[in-house]
């Protein structure tokens, strides 16, 4: 009987938290989606109770398992049924379009003008007239599409085709040579020793960080 009661109370509290989070709006969850937010704060609270409940510790443990299983189940539903995602995770909201603010959508998302201006400034937009469209994402972040006349110039605009940049691989960290990464780059210890000599570096221990790209261009950062 107790197990059934715990199951019902856990499920009911999960639903209540979900509804409250929806009511508070996306800005309350920052980079987390609704269910990550709900599960995180709730399981954390239950875990604290689990740590202090010496008489019946299995009860909060069971509640945590139920919350975890419910979250997994909702994730499966979202993956299997794409139409359900907009109800479970929400959809982006257009806050600004064609240079005009949509106050109705701002009110819907509990987003006031000061917060919108702050989010724009954080992305380097101090002048709203340079913004074509602004979307308030499900994770509480603002995505901005600038007007074509205000976006940065790209090599494609200048009809230039630069060589593709690649990721750098760490070959020395905290003075320690990472031989595995050297082999991945197709170079040997002798090659690294020559690179060190070119830079006037006596030994690898003097290097805090060294990175190398696929073209074997090395950058050294000394201690």
Protein backbone atom coordinates (compact mmCIF):
# COMPACT_ATOMS: atom_id res chain seq x y z
CA UNK A 1 0.00 0.00 0.00
CA UNK A 2 2.85 2.40 0.89
CA UNK A 3 4.56 1.74 -2.44
CA UNK A 4 1.37 2.58 -4.32
CA UNK A 5 0.97 5.81 -2.32
CA UNK A 6 4.59 6.84 -3.02
CA UNK A 7 4.06 6.12 -6.69
CA UNK A 8 0.95 8.31 -6.85
CA UNK A 9 2.47 11.18 -4.84
CA UNK A 10 5.66 11.14 -6.90
CA UNK A 11 3.73 11.12 -10.17
CA UNK A 12 1.42 13.88 -8.95
CA UNK A 13 4.32 16.08 -7.81
CA UNK A 14 6.04 15.52 -11.16
CA UNK A 15 2.94 16.75 -12.99
CA UNK A 16 2.61 19.75 -10.67
CA UNK A 17 6.27 20.73 -11.20
CA UNK A 18 5.83 20.43 -14.95
CA UNK A 19 2.78 22.68 -14.97
CA UNK A 20 4.49 25.24 -12.71
CA UNK A 21 7.58 25.29 -14.93
CA UNK A 22 5.39 25.88 -17.98
CA UNK A 23 3.69 28.72 -16.18
CA UNK A 24 7.00 30.32 -15.17
CA UNK A 25 8.20 30.36 -18.78
CA UNK A 26 11.34 29.30 -20.61
CA UNK A 27 13.59 31.91 -19.06
CA UNK A 28 13.38 30.01 -15.75
CA UNK A 29 15.17 26.97 -17.16
CA UNK A 30 18.09 28.72 -18.86
CA UNK A 31 19.95 26.11 -20.96
CA UNK A 32 18.02 23.14 -19.58
CA UNK A 33 14.83 21.84 -21.15
CA UNK A 34 11.72 21.42 -19.04
CA UNK A 35 12.26 17.82 -18.05
CA UNK A 36 15.94 18.22 -17.24
CA UNK A 37 15.00 21.17 -15.06
CA UNK A 38 12.19 19.30 -13.30
CA UNK A 39 14.20 16.14 -12.81
CA UNK A 40 17.31 17.99 -11.61
CA UNK A 41 15.69 20.07 -8.88
CA UNK A 42 13.35 17.29 -7.77
CA UNK A 43 15.82 14.44 -7.64
CA UNK A 44 18.24 16.75 -5.83
CA UNK A 45 15.61 17.53 -3.22
CA UNK A 46 14.65 13.86 -2.86
CA UNK A 47 18.31 12.89 -2.62
CA UNK A 48 18.72 15.27 0.31
CA UNK A 49 15.77 13.63 2.02
CA UNK A 50 17.15 10.21 1.17
CA UNK A 51 20.40 11.12 2.91
CA UNK A 52 18.63 12.12 6.12
CA UNK A 53 15.75 9.63 6.25
CA UNK A 54 17.17 6.88 8.46
CA UNK A 55 13.87 5.21 9.29
CA UNK A 56 12.69 4.42 5.77
CA UNK A 57 15.39 5.37 3.23
CA UNK A 58 13.87 3.13 0.57
CA UNK A 59 10.92 5.53 0.14
CA UNK A 60 12.86 8.52 -1.25
CA UNK A 61 15.01 6.07 -3.21
CA UNK A 62 11.92 4.64 -4.87
CA UNK A 63 10.69 8.16 -5.59
CA UNK A 64 13.99 9.05 -7.32
CA UNK A 65 13.76 5.90 -9.45
CA UNK A 66 10.21 6.82 -10.47
CA UNK A 67 11.30 10.33 -11.50
CA UNK A 68 14.21 8.95 -13.49
CA UNK A 69 12.03 6.36 -15.26
CA UNK A 70 9.41 9.01 -16.03
CA UNK A 71 12.07 11.23 -17.60
CA UNK A 72 13.44 8.35 -19.70
CA UNK A 73 9.92 7.46 -20.83
CA UNK A 74 9.18 11.04 -21.87
CA UNK A 75 12.47 11.14 -23.79
CA UNK A 76 11.51 7.97 -25.67
CA UNK A 77 8.09 9.43 -26.46
CA UNK A 78 9.68 12.63 -27.79
CA UNK A 79 12.01 10.61 -30.04
CA UNK A 80 9.34 8.23 -31.31
CA UNK A 81 6.62 10.82 -31.83
CA UNK A 82 8.00 14.11 -33.22
CA UNK A 83 4.60 15.81 -32.97
CA UNK A 84 4.69 15.34 -29.21
CA UNK A 85 7.91 17.36 -28.86
CA UNK A 86 6.20 20.73 -29.14
CA UNK A 87 3.95 19.81 -26.23
CA UNK A 88 6.71 18.31 -24.11
CA UNK A 89 9.61 20.67 -24.84
CA UNK A 90 7.86 23.64 -26.40
CA UNK A 91 8.65 25.52 -29.61
CA UNK A 92 10.67 28.68 -30.35
CA UNK A 93 8.76 31.95 -30.14
CA UNK A 94 9.28 34.85 -32.53
CA UNK A 95 10.01 37.92 -30.41
CA UNK A 96 11.01 40.25 -33.23
CA UNK A 97 10.42 40.02 -36.98
CA UNK A 98 11.09 42.43 -39.83
CA UNK A 99 12.49 44.84 -37.26
CA UNK A 100 9.26 44.95 -35.24
CA UNK A 101 8.81 43.74 -31.67
CA UNK A 102 5.92 41.35 -31.07
CA UNK A 103 4.69 42.36 -27.64
CA UNK A 104 2.10 39.57 -27.50
CA UNK A 105 4.81 36.91 -27.75
CA UNK A 106 7.00 38.70 -25.22
CA UNK A 107 4.12 38.68 -22.76
CA UNK A 108 3.52 34.99 -23.47
CA UNK A 109 7.14 34.15 -22.61
CA UNK A 110 7.20 36.41 -19.50
CA UNK A 111 9.98 38.42 -21.15
CA UNK A 112 10.13 42.13 -20.41
CA UNK A 113 11.87 44.77 -22.49
CA UNK A 114 14.87 45.15 -20.16
CA UNK A 115 15.61 41.43 -20.35
CA UNK A 116 15.30 41.44 -24.14
CA UNK A 117 17.70 44.36 -24.47
CA UNK A 118 20.17 42.63 -22.14
CA UNK A 119 20.05 39.42 -24.22
CA UNK A 120 20.63 41.44 -27.39
CA UNK A 121 23.60 43.25 -25.83
CA UNK A 122 25.09 39.92 -24.72
CA UNK A 123 25.27 38.94 -28.39
CA UNK A 124 26.72 42.27 -29.43
CA UNK A 125 23.53 43.91 -30.70
CA UNK A 126 23.16 47.32 -29.08
CA UNK A 127 20.95 48.67 -31.87
CA UNK A 128 17.65 46.82 -32.39
CA UNK A 129 17.37 48.28 -35.90
CA UNK A 130 20.18 45.94 -36.99
CA UNK A 131 18.09 42.84 -36.10
CA UNK A 132 15.89 41.18 -38.68
CA UNK A 133 14.44 38.34 -36.58
CA UNK A 134 14.85 37.27 -32.95
CA UNK A 135 13.68 33.89 -31.66
CA UNK A 136 13.24 32.98 -28.01
CA UNK A 137 14.36 29.36 -27.87
CA UNK A 138 13.00 26.57 -25.69
CA UNK A 139 16.16 26.66 -23.56
CA UNK A 140 15.63 30.31 -22.61
CA UNK A 141 18.22 31.72 -25.03
CA UNK A 142 17.72 34.36 -27.70
CA UNK A 143 18.72 33.55 -31.28
CA UNK A 144 19.25 36.55 -33.54
CA UNK A 145 19.25 36.82 -37.32
CA UNK A 146 20.84 40.18 -38.23
CA UNK A 147 19.81 42.21 -41.26
CA UNK A 148 21.89 41.37 -44.31
CA UNK A 149 23.38 44.85 -44.36
CA UNK A 150 24.56 44.47 -40.74
CA UNK A 151 25.97 40.96 -40.73
CA UNK A 152 29.76 40.46 -40.81
CA UNK A 153 31.40 40.11 -44.20
CA UNK A 154 32.36 36.52 -45.06
CA UNK A 155 34.98 35.19 -47.49
CA UNK A 156 32.12 34.06 -49.74
CA UNK A 157 30.96 37.69 -50.06
CA UNK A 158 34.45 38.57 -51.33
CA UNK A 159 34.55 35.47 -53.55
CA UNK A 160 37.51 34.13 -51.61
CA UNK A 161 38.00 30.45 -50.82
CA UNK A 162 40.31 30.16 -47.78
CA UNK A 163 41.80 26.84 -46.79
CA UNK A 164 39.70 24.89 -44.31
CA UNK A 165 40.80 25.26 -40.71
CA UNK A 166 41.02 22.09 -38.63
CA UNK A 167 40.90 21.22 -34.98
CA UNK A 168 44.11 21.33 -32.96
CA UNK A 169 45.42 18.30 -31.10
CA UNK A 170 47.22 18.59 -27.78
CA UNK A 171 50.71 17.10 -27.96
CA UNK A 172 52.12 18.50 -24.70
CA UNK A 173 50.11 19.27 -21.58
CA UNK A 174 51.63 20.41 -18.30
CA UNK A 175 55.07 19.46 -19.56
CA UNK A 176 54.01 15.91 -20.42
CA UNK A 177 54.26 14.62 -24.00
CA UNK A 178 51.11 12.89 -25.23
CA UNK A 179 52.62 10.19 -27.44
CA UNK A 180 49.23 8.81 -28.44
CA UNK A 181 48.34 12.10 -30.09
CA UNK A 182 51.72 12.27 -31.82
CA UNK A 183 51.05 8.89 -33.42
CA UNK A 184 47.56 10.04 -34.42
CA UNK A 185 49.13 13.00 -36.24
CA UNK A 186 51.64 10.71 -37.92
CA UNK A 187 54.75 12.26 -36.33
CA UNK A 188 57.48 10.92 -34.05
CA UNK A 189 59.40 12.15 -31.03
CA UNK A 190 62.30 13.30 -33.25
CA UNK A 191 59.93 15.65 -35.09
CA UNK A 192 58.74 17.11 -31.80
CA UNK A 193 62.32 17.61 -30.62
CA UNK A 194 63.10 19.56 -33.78
CA UNK A 195 60.03 21.76 -33.27
CA UNK A 196 61.15 22.50 -29.72
CA UNK A 197 64.64 23.46 -30.89
CA UNK A 198 63.20 25.78 -33.56
CA UNK A 199 61.38 27.68 -30.83
CA UNK A 200 64.44 27.73 -28.57
CA UNK A 201 62.76 25.52 -25.96
CA UNK A 202 65.14 23.31 -24.02
CA UNK A 203 62.80 20.55 -22.84
CA UNK A 204 59.11 19.60 -22.89
CA UNK A 205 58.78 20.32 -19.15
CA UNK A 206 59.12 24.02 -19.97
CA UNK A 207 55.95 23.83 -22.07
CA UNK A 208 52.57 24.37 -20.43
CA UNK A 209 50.63 23.50 -23.60
CA UNK A 210 51.51 22.61 -27.18
CA UNK A 211 48.91 22.03 -29.90
CA UNK A 212 49.26 20.88 -33.49
CA UNK A 213 46.89 20.79 -36.48
CA UNK A 214 46.73 18.21 -39.26
CA UNK A 215 49.19 20.28 -41.34
CA UNK A 216 51.71 19.96 -38.48
CA UNK A 217 51.59 23.63 -37.53
CA UNK A 218 52.54 23.82 -33.85
CA UNK A 219 51.79 26.44 -31.23
CA UNK A 220 53.71 26.42 -27.93
CA UNK A 221 52.57 28.04 -24.68
CA UNK A 222 55.32 28.19 -22.09
CA UNK A 223 54.92 28.00 -18.34
